[in-house]
Protein backbone atom coordinates (compact mmCIF):
# COMPACT_ATOMS: atom_id res chain seq x y z
CA MET A 1 124.81 70.66 84.44
CA GLN A 2 121.28 73.25 83.96
CA ALA A 3 117.97 71.84 84.30
CA ALA A 4 115.47 73.07 82.36
CA SER A 5 111.93 72.47 83.10
CA THR A 6 110.46 71.99 79.00
CA ARG A 7 107.27 71.65 77.30
CA GLY A 8 106.35 70.64 73.88
CA GLY A 9 104.49 68.71 71.10
CA GLY A 10 102.48 69.76 68.57
CA VAL A 11 98.72 70.87 67.64
CA ALA A 12 97.03 68.43 65.49
CA GLY A 13 93.62 69.81 64.00
CA SER A 14 90.95 67.98 62.39
CA ALA A 15 87.33 69.14 61.19
CA ALA A 16 84.34 66.87 60.31
CA LYS A 17 82.79 67.50 57.05
CA GLY A 18 78.71 67.26 57.91
CA ASP A 19 75.52 68.01 55.78
CA GLY A 20 75.23 70.68 54.60
CA ASP A 21 79.30 71.46 54.94
CA THR A 22 80.79 72.93 51.86
CA LEU A 23 84.91 73.00 51.65
CA GLU A 24 86.06 76.59 50.86
CA SER A 25 89.17 78.45 50.96
CA GLY A 26 90.35 79.03 54.75
CA GLY A 27 87.88 76.17 56.10
CA TYR A 28 84.65 74.55 56.09
CA HIS A 29 81.19 77.09 55.36
CA ARG A 30 77.96 75.47 57.23
CA ASN A 31 74.85 75.75 54.69
CA THR A 32 72.87 77.75 57.09
CA SER A 33 69.12 76.98 55.16
CA HIS A 34 69.69 73.90 57.77
CA LYS A 35 67.29 74.55 60.80
CA PRO A 36 69.77 77.59 62.09
CA MET A 37 67.74 78.26 65.07
CA LEU A 38 68.07 74.32 65.75
CA SER A 39 72.00 74.94 65.31
CA GLY A 40 71.94 77.78 67.75
CA VAL A 41 70.15 76.21 70.10
CA ALA A 42 72.36 72.54 70.15
CA ILE A 43 75.15 74.89 70.42
CA LYS A 44 74.33 76.74 73.35
CA ILE A 45 73.80 73.08 75.18
CA THR A 46 76.92 71.69 74.26
CA SER A 47 78.91 74.89 75.71
CA ILE A 48 76.94 74.97 78.82
CA LEU A 49 77.70 70.73 78.91
CA VAL A 50 81.44 71.62 78.38
CA LEU A 51 81.74 74.05 80.75
CA ILE A 52 80.06 71.99 83.60
CA VAL A 53 82.28 68.82 82.62
CA THR A 54 85.21 70.98 82.62
CA THR A 55 84.52 72.58 86.25
CA VAL A 56 83.84 68.68 87.78
CA LEU A 57 86.99 67.57 85.91
CA ILE A 58 89.53 70.88 87.36
CA LEU A 59 87.76 69.96 91.12
CA ASN A 60 88.14 66.03 91.15
CA GLN A 61 92.07 66.25 89.94
CA SER A 62 92.92 69.04 92.61
CA SER A 63 95.50 67.65 94.51
CA TYR A 64 93.76 68.76 97.84
CA PRO A 65 90.00 69.43 99.42
CA LEU A 66 88.44 73.16 98.37
CA GLU A 67 87.74 72.85 101.81
CA PHE A 68 90.76 73.71 103.18
CA PHE A 69 91.52 76.60 101.04
CA HIS A 70 87.92 78.43 101.88
CA ASN A 71 88.11 81.39 104.29
CA HIS A 72 89.84 78.71 107.48
CA ASN A 73 88.95 81.18 109.67
CA SER A 74 85.60 79.47 109.98
CA PHE A 75 86.66 76.17 111.28
CA PRO A 76 87.80 75.28 114.28
CA GLY A 77 90.70 76.05 115.74
CA PRO A 78 93.36 73.38 115.91
CA SER A 79 92.59 70.76 119.42
CA CYS A 80 93.45 67.70 120.16
CA GLU A 81 90.73 65.81 119.38
CA ASN A 82 91.50 67.42 115.93
CA SER A 83 95.21 66.66 116.03
CA ASN A 84 94.05 62.74 117.36
CA ALA A 85 92.12 62.29 114.71
CA ASP A 86 91.11 58.35 113.78
CA SER A 87 93.70 56.57 110.80
CA SER A 88 90.97 55.53 109.14
CA SER A 89 89.79 59.30 107.96
CA PHE A 90 93.42 60.65 107.99
CA HIS A 91 93.54 58.14 105.05
CA GLN A 92 91.25 58.78 103.50
CA TYR A 93 92.36 62.72 103.01
CA THR A 94 95.85 61.90 102.33
CA SER A 95 94.86 59.50 100.21
CA ARG A 96 93.27 61.59 97.62
CA ILE A 97 97.06 63.71 97.39
CA PRO A 98 98.62 62.21 94.26
CA PRO A 99 101.87 60.45 94.79
CA SER A 100 104.65 62.51 93.50
CA SER A 101 106.28 62.04 89.17
CA PRO A 102 109.20 59.81 88.68
CA ALA A 103 112.32 61.39 89.22
CA LYS A 104 113.19 63.29 85.97
CA ASP A 105 116.57 63.85 84.86
CA GLU A 106 116.79 66.87 86.53
CA ASP A 107 115.98 65.94 89.31
CA MET A 108 119.08 63.24 88.96
CA GLU A 109 121.55 66.26 88.27
CA LEU A 110 119.38 67.95 91.77
CA GLU A 111 120.45 65.03 93.69
CA LYS A 112 124.47 64.71 92.73
CA MET A 113 124.41 68.55 93.47
CA LEU A 114 122.80 68.11 96.57
CA ARG A 115 125.05 64.93 97.44
CA GLY A 116 128.31 67.00 96.74
CA ALA A 117 127.28 69.68 99.00
CA ALA A 118 125.49 68.46 101.95
CA MET A 119 126.88 68.17 105.29
CA LYS A 120 127.78 64.32 105.73
CA ASP A 121 126.12 63.65 108.97
CA ASN A 122 122.48 65.02 108.36
CA LYS A 123 122.39 65.46 105.19
CA THR A 124 121.38 69.22 105.01
CA VAL A 125 122.39 71.80 102.53
CA ILE A 126 122.21 75.76 102.77
CA ILE A 127 120.56 76.95 99.50
CA THR A 128 119.66 80.68 98.15
CA THR A 129 119.01 81.67 94.82
CA LEU A 130 120.72 83.78 92.37
CA ASN A 131 120.29 85.60 89.33
CA ALA A 132 122.20 88.33 87.18
CA ALA A 133 120.62 91.44 88.88
CA TRP A 134 121.82 90.38 92.13
CA SER A 135 125.17 88.58 91.33
CA GLU A 136 126.70 91.75 89.59
CA PRO A 137 130.47 92.88 90.67
CA ASN A 138 130.22 94.70 94.10
CA SER A 139 126.51 93.19 94.71
CA LEU A 140 124.62 91.93 97.35
CA PHE A 141 126.19 88.43 96.83
CA ASP A 142 129.50 89.77 97.48
CA LEU A 143 128.45 90.94 100.84
CA PHE A 144 126.67 87.64 101.55
CA LEU A 145 129.58 85.26 100.54
CA GLU A 146 131.68 87.82 102.87
CA SER A 147 129.23 87.33 105.67
CA PHE A 148 130.07 84.31 105.88
CA ARG A 149 133.99 84.88 106.07
CA VAL A 150 134.04 87.41 108.59
CA GLY A 151 130.91 85.92 110.93
CA ASN A 152 131.89 83.92 113.96
CA GLY A 153 132.72 80.46 112.99
CA THR A 154 130.70 80.67 109.58
CA ALA A 155 133.44 80.59 107.06
CA HIS A 156 132.78 76.21 107.50
CA LEU A 157 129.40 76.65 106.00
CA LEU A 158 130.46 77.84 102.61
CA ASP A 159 131.36 74.42 102.20
CA HIS A 160 127.77 73.50 102.24
CA LEU A 161 126.20 76.17 100.46
CA MET A 162 124.13 75.62 96.87
CA ILE A 163 123.69 78.67 94.79
CA VAL A 164 120.35 77.79 92.75
CA ALA A 165 121.27 80.05 89.30
CA TYR A 166 118.15 81.27 87.32
CA ASP A 167 120.28 82.12 84.35
CA LYS A 168 123.41 82.44 83.05
CA THR A 169 124.95 85.21 84.45
CA ALA A 170 124.53 84.35 88.09
CA TYR A 171 125.76 80.30 87.17
CA GLU A 172 128.62 81.94 86.18
CA ARG A 173 128.99 84.06 88.81
CA CYS A 174 128.94 81.26 90.92
CA GLU A 175 131.42 78.95 89.20
CA ALA A 176 133.96 81.63 89.62
CA ALA A 177 133.43 81.65 93.32
CA GLY A 178 134.30 78.38 92.85
CA LEU A 179 130.56 77.31 95.41
CA HIS A 180 128.43 74.55 94.33
CA CYS A 181 125.99 75.37 91.60
CA TYR A 182 122.77 74.59 90.08
CA ALA A 183 121.07 75.80 87.28
CA VAL A 184 117.88 76.23 87.03
CA THR A 185 115.47 78.22 84.10
CA THR A 186 111.61 78.35 83.29
CA GLU A 187 110.46 77.86 80.11
CA GLY A 188 109.64 81.48 78.58
CA ILE A 189 110.69 83.31 81.52
CA ASP A 190 113.61 85.34 82.23
CA PHE A 191 114.55 85.93 85.74
CA SER A 192 117.59 87.73 84.82
CA GLY A 193 116.83 90.88 85.69
CA GLU A 194 115.75 92.52 89.11
CA ALA A 195 113.00 91.17 90.04
CA PHE A 196 110.61 94.14 91.55
CA TYR A 197 108.36 93.82 94.63
CA LEU A 198 105.03 92.50 93.98
CA THR A 199 105.64 92.45 90.11
CA GLU A 200 105.12 89.45 87.83
CA ASP A 201 107.61 87.94 87.76
CA TYR A 202 108.44 88.60 91.34
CA PHE A 203 105.90 86.07 91.86
CA LYS A 204 107.15 83.76 89.46
CA MET A 205 110.61 83.70 91.17
CA MET A 206 108.93 83.02 94.53
CA TRP A 207 106.72 80.33 93.74
CA ARG A 208 109.42 78.52 91.28
CA ARG A 209 111.86 78.73 94.49
CA ILE A 210 108.83 76.89 96.62
CA ASP A 211 108.13 74.10 93.96
CA LEU A 212 112.42 73.66 94.04
CA LEU A 213 112.61 73.19 97.66
CA ARG A 214 109.25 70.70 97.58
CA THR A 215 111.31 68.68 95.12
CA ILE A 216 114.84 68.77 97.64
CA LEU A 217 112.55 67.54 100.34
CA GLU A 218 111.18 64.49 98.42
CA LEU A 219 114.92 63.63 97.67
CA GLY A 220 115.88 63.30 101.12
CA PHE A 221 117.78 66.27 101.93
CA ASP A 222 116.94 68.57 105.07
CA PHE A 223 117.70 72.50 103.93
CA VAL A 224 118.39 75.62 105.48
CA PHE A 225 116.95 78.39 103.06
CA THR A 226 118.63 81.71 102.92
CA ASP A 227 117.76 84.87 100.88
CA THR A 228 121.04 86.83 99.61
CA ASP A 229 120.26 89.94 101.21
CA ILE A 230 120.78 87.70 105.20
CA MET A 231 124.26 88.04 106.25
CA TRP A 232 125.69 84.83 108.33
CA LEU A 233 127.41 86.33 111.48
CA ARG A 234 127.56 83.20 113.24
CA ASP A 235 126.41 79.91 113.38
CA PRO A 236 122.75 78.92 113.16
CA PHE A 237 122.91 75.59 113.75
CA LYS A 238 123.51 75.92 117.35
CA LYS A 239 120.46 77.69 118.20
CA PHE A 240 117.78 75.51 115.76
CA TYR A 241 115.21 74.17 117.92
CA LYS A 242 115.96 70.37 118.21
CA ASP A 243 111.84 69.39 117.94
CA GLY A 244 109.81 71.04 114.96
CA ASP A 245 109.49 70.44 111.31
CA PHE A 246 109.92 73.84 110.22
CA GLN A 247 111.69 76.60 111.47
CA ILE A 248 111.33 80.05 110.29
CA SER A 249 112.52 83.59 110.73
CA CYS A 250 110.14 86.43 111.37
CA ASP A 251 109.61 90.26 110.08
CA HIS A 252 107.91 90.13 114.23
CA TYR A 253 108.46 87.86 116.53
CA TRP A 254 105.74 87.94 119.54
CA LEU A 255 107.97 85.62 122.02
CA ASN A 256 106.50 82.42 121.75
CA TYR A 257 108.83 79.54 119.19
CA THR A 258 105.39 77.82 118.70
CA ASP A 259 102.97 80.97 118.32
CA VAL A 260 101.02 81.08 114.82
CA ASN A 261 100.09 84.97 115.24
CA ASN A 262 104.19 85.57 114.28
CA PHE A 263 104.58 86.91 111.59
CA PRO A 264 106.98 84.63 109.64
CA ASN A 265 109.43 85.92 106.88
CA GLY A 266 110.31 83.27 103.79
CA GLY A 267 113.71 84.27 103.82
CA PHE A 268 114.93 82.13 105.81
CA ASN A 269 114.23 78.41 106.83
CA TYR A 270 115.63 75.39 108.32
CA VAL A 271 113.14 72.40 107.05
CA LYS A 272 113.31 68.78 107.85
CA SER A 273 112.98 66.02 104.93
CA ASN A 274 109.93 64.00 105.97
CA ASN A 275 106.60 63.02 104.92
CA ARG A 276 104.93 66.32 106.58
CA THR A 277 106.69 69.11 105.22
CA ILE A 278 106.50 67.23 101.75
CA GLU A 279 103.06 67.29 102.11
CA PHE A 280 103.25 70.76 103.41
CA TYR A 281 104.97 72.12 100.28
CA LYS A 282 102.66 70.77 98.09
CA PHE A 283 99.74 72.21 99.94
CA TRP A 284 101.59 76.04 100.04
CA TYR A 285 102.20 75.61 96.14
CA ASN A 286 99.13 75.13 94.87
CA ALA A 287 97.42 77.67 97.45
CA ARG A 288 98.96 79.92 94.97
CA GLU A 289 95.70 79.15 92.88
CA TYR A 290 93.36 80.23 95.95
CA PHE A 291 95.07 83.38 96.90
CA PRO A 292 95.67 85.33 93.31
CA GLY A 293 98.03 88.12 93.70
CA LYS A 294 99.53 86.75 96.77
CA HIS A 295 103.74 86.19 97.16
CA ASP A 296 104.59 82.93 98.91
CA GLN A 297 105.03 84.51 101.99
CA ASP A 298 101.91 85.96 101.96
CA VAL A 299 100.02 83.14 101.15
CA LEU A 300 101.89 81.03 104.05
CA ASN A 301 100.32 83.95 106.50
CA MET A 302 96.90 82.68 105.77
CA ILE A 303 97.73 79.13 105.47
CA LYS A 304 99.77 78.94 108.80
CA ASP A 305 96.92 77.77 110.94
CA ASN A 306 95.08 75.55 108.29
CA PRO A 307 93.51 72.69 109.70
CA PHE A 308 95.80 70.72 107.08
CA ILE A 309 98.23 71.67 109.30
CA SER A 310 97.02 69.95 112.49
CA ARG A 311 95.70 67.13 109.95
CA ILE A 312 99.19 66.26 109.06
CA GLY A 313 100.81 66.97 112.67
CA LEU A 314 103.43 69.45 110.87
CA GLU A 315 105.52 71.26 113.71
CA PHE A 316 105.89 74.77 113.23
CA ARG A 317 108.82 76.61 114.93
CA PHE A 318 109.36 80.36 114.91
CA LEU A 319 113.00 81.55 115.26
CA ASP A 320 113.47 84.40 117.83
CA THR A 321 114.15 87.66 116.05
CA THR A 322 116.89 88.78 118.85
CA HIS A 323 119.06 85.70 117.42
CA PHE A 324 117.60 85.97 113.82
CA ALA A 325 116.90 89.23 113.30
CA GLY A 326 116.28 92.29 110.68
CA PHE A 327 115.88 95.65 110.09
CA CYS A 328 111.47 95.11 110.57
CA GLU A 329 112.16 95.34 114.02
CA PRO A 330 115.29 98.04 115.09
CA ALA A 331 118.44 96.52 114.46
CA PRO A 332 119.97 99.12 117.10
CA SER A 333 118.14 97.16 119.89
CA LYS A 334 119.42 93.46 118.66
CA THR A 335 122.58 93.23 120.77
CA MET A 336 126.02 92.10 118.80
CA ASP A 337 126.54 89.77 121.26
CA LYS A 338 123.67 87.82 120.51
CA VAL A 339 122.47 88.14 116.57
CA ILE A 340 123.53 84.89 114.70
CA THR A 341 121.49 86.35 111.22
CA MET A 342 120.67 90.09 110.08
CA HIS A 343 118.39 90.14 107.21
CA ALA A 344 117.74 93.62 105.10
CA ASN A 345 114.11 92.87 105.15
CA CYS A 346 111.40 95.43 105.51
CA CYS A 347 114.03 97.77 102.51
CA ILE A 348 112.87 97.43 99.07
CA GLY A 349 115.53 97.85 95.92
CA ILE A 350 119.08 96.73 95.31
CA PRO A 351 120.70 99.93 96.30
CA ASN A 352 118.79 100.26 99.16
CA LYS A 353 119.73 96.98 100.71
CA MET A 354 123.49 97.41 99.51
CA HIS A 355 124.35 100.58 101.42
CA ASP A 356 122.41 99.36 104.88
CA LEU A 357 124.37 95.75 104.76
CA THR A 358 127.39 97.26 103.78
CA MET A 359 127.22 99.60 106.93
CA LEU A 360 126.16 95.86 108.67
CA ILE A 361 129.15 94.33 107.82
CA ASP A 362 131.49 97.46 108.95
CA ASP A 363 129.71 96.88 112.00
CA TRP A 364 130.22 93.37 112.43
CA LYS A 365 133.87 93.95 111.58
CA ARG A 366 134.51 96.37 114.40
CA TYR A 367 132.91 94.34 116.42
CA MET A 368 134.89 91.63 115.55
CA ALA A 369 138.30 93.49 115.98
CA ILE A 370 137.43 93.70 119.92
CA PRO A 371 139.03 91.29 121.67
CA PRO A 372 136.46 88.62 122.82
CA SER A 373 136.67 89.52 127.16
CA ASN A 374 136.01 92.63 125.89
CA ARG A 375 133.28 92.34 124.03
CA ASN A 376 130.55 91.77 126.13
CA SER A 377 131.81 94.88 128.30
CA THR A 378 131.43 97.22 125.26
CA ASN A 379 128.12 99.18 124.41
CA ARG A 380 128.68 98.58 120.69
CA SER A 381 124.94 98.66 118.59
CA TRP A 382 124.67 98.65 114.91
CA THR A 383 124.21 102.19 112.96
CA VAL A 384 121.57 100.14 110.68
CA PRO A 385 119.18 100.71 109.36
CA ARG A 386 120.03 103.75 107.59
CA ILE A 387 118.25 104.31 104.18
CA CYS A 388 115.79 100.72 104.78
CA SER A 389 114.23 102.71 107.63
């Protein structure tokens, strides 16, 4: 059941003995009496040539042209003229993107797991990631699952939830909960502890997730990705836009669902599998190399209006925080009658999230205890965020 990314192989070294070389303990030693100045110049010239060739190879083998990762504010914004570029120029560009590698054993195992979890009518899976720190008893994971059970019409969605477990503890916790569980590891990286915000482990975990989601799209599955600190209170599928390739929640929403000035949050998104989203996830993942020290959400904000997006025809849809709410905007202003999900964003640390999300679930239970006919007339409001504020 465990899919592991492994690299192997040894390194074989060899040396050629030339004129003036003598074999001694520890390796070859050159007789420095033979033209030392000429040898030094030759070494410098060789080093410069190696550096130039290596640079050229790196640039030529890049999956995407460097032009798209320069300061794209210098590029003209998307326009009808740009978006309707002739097909020959578009093909010339996309032909530079290498095809995906053949399916590996772990991809076959992943596809099997996805088929078991997917909704039968549209091949959609709900996905979250989990590690040991977030899966301890009476943890965020428990609150996450409880939100489905106490939510309004959400309990059945647990049948379509797939847990991506980063370590053995998380995998065992998932299995004990009777869910669809997929184990994924990355060689040399331990994801079991709490990955504190903006640390090296945090970056690695976030980018591993983006790469996995790209694979899921390539396998032909739509998905809703959700962070585990998001409470599911109503069925979001009834509120998703019918069009749009990539729909994402926001930390801050500016009243227009197509406005790229919205500030998206990568913790909740609904993505349809097609060529546009696959190429976008490749672009997003590769962009990490051009924005070092930035996590996936920061990079998304930097590339969301990049000319590449209009070039491939990707359609963004930003989800209104009235329905897909979070702690970044005051929760009391979000009416309980409309909230679908609530995210403990703008809140750092598991204890802080646990405290406020526990209060939120209690608020919701009191709201649901009110007869449906009286809910709209009752002035109920959230008591959170509290510690997270």
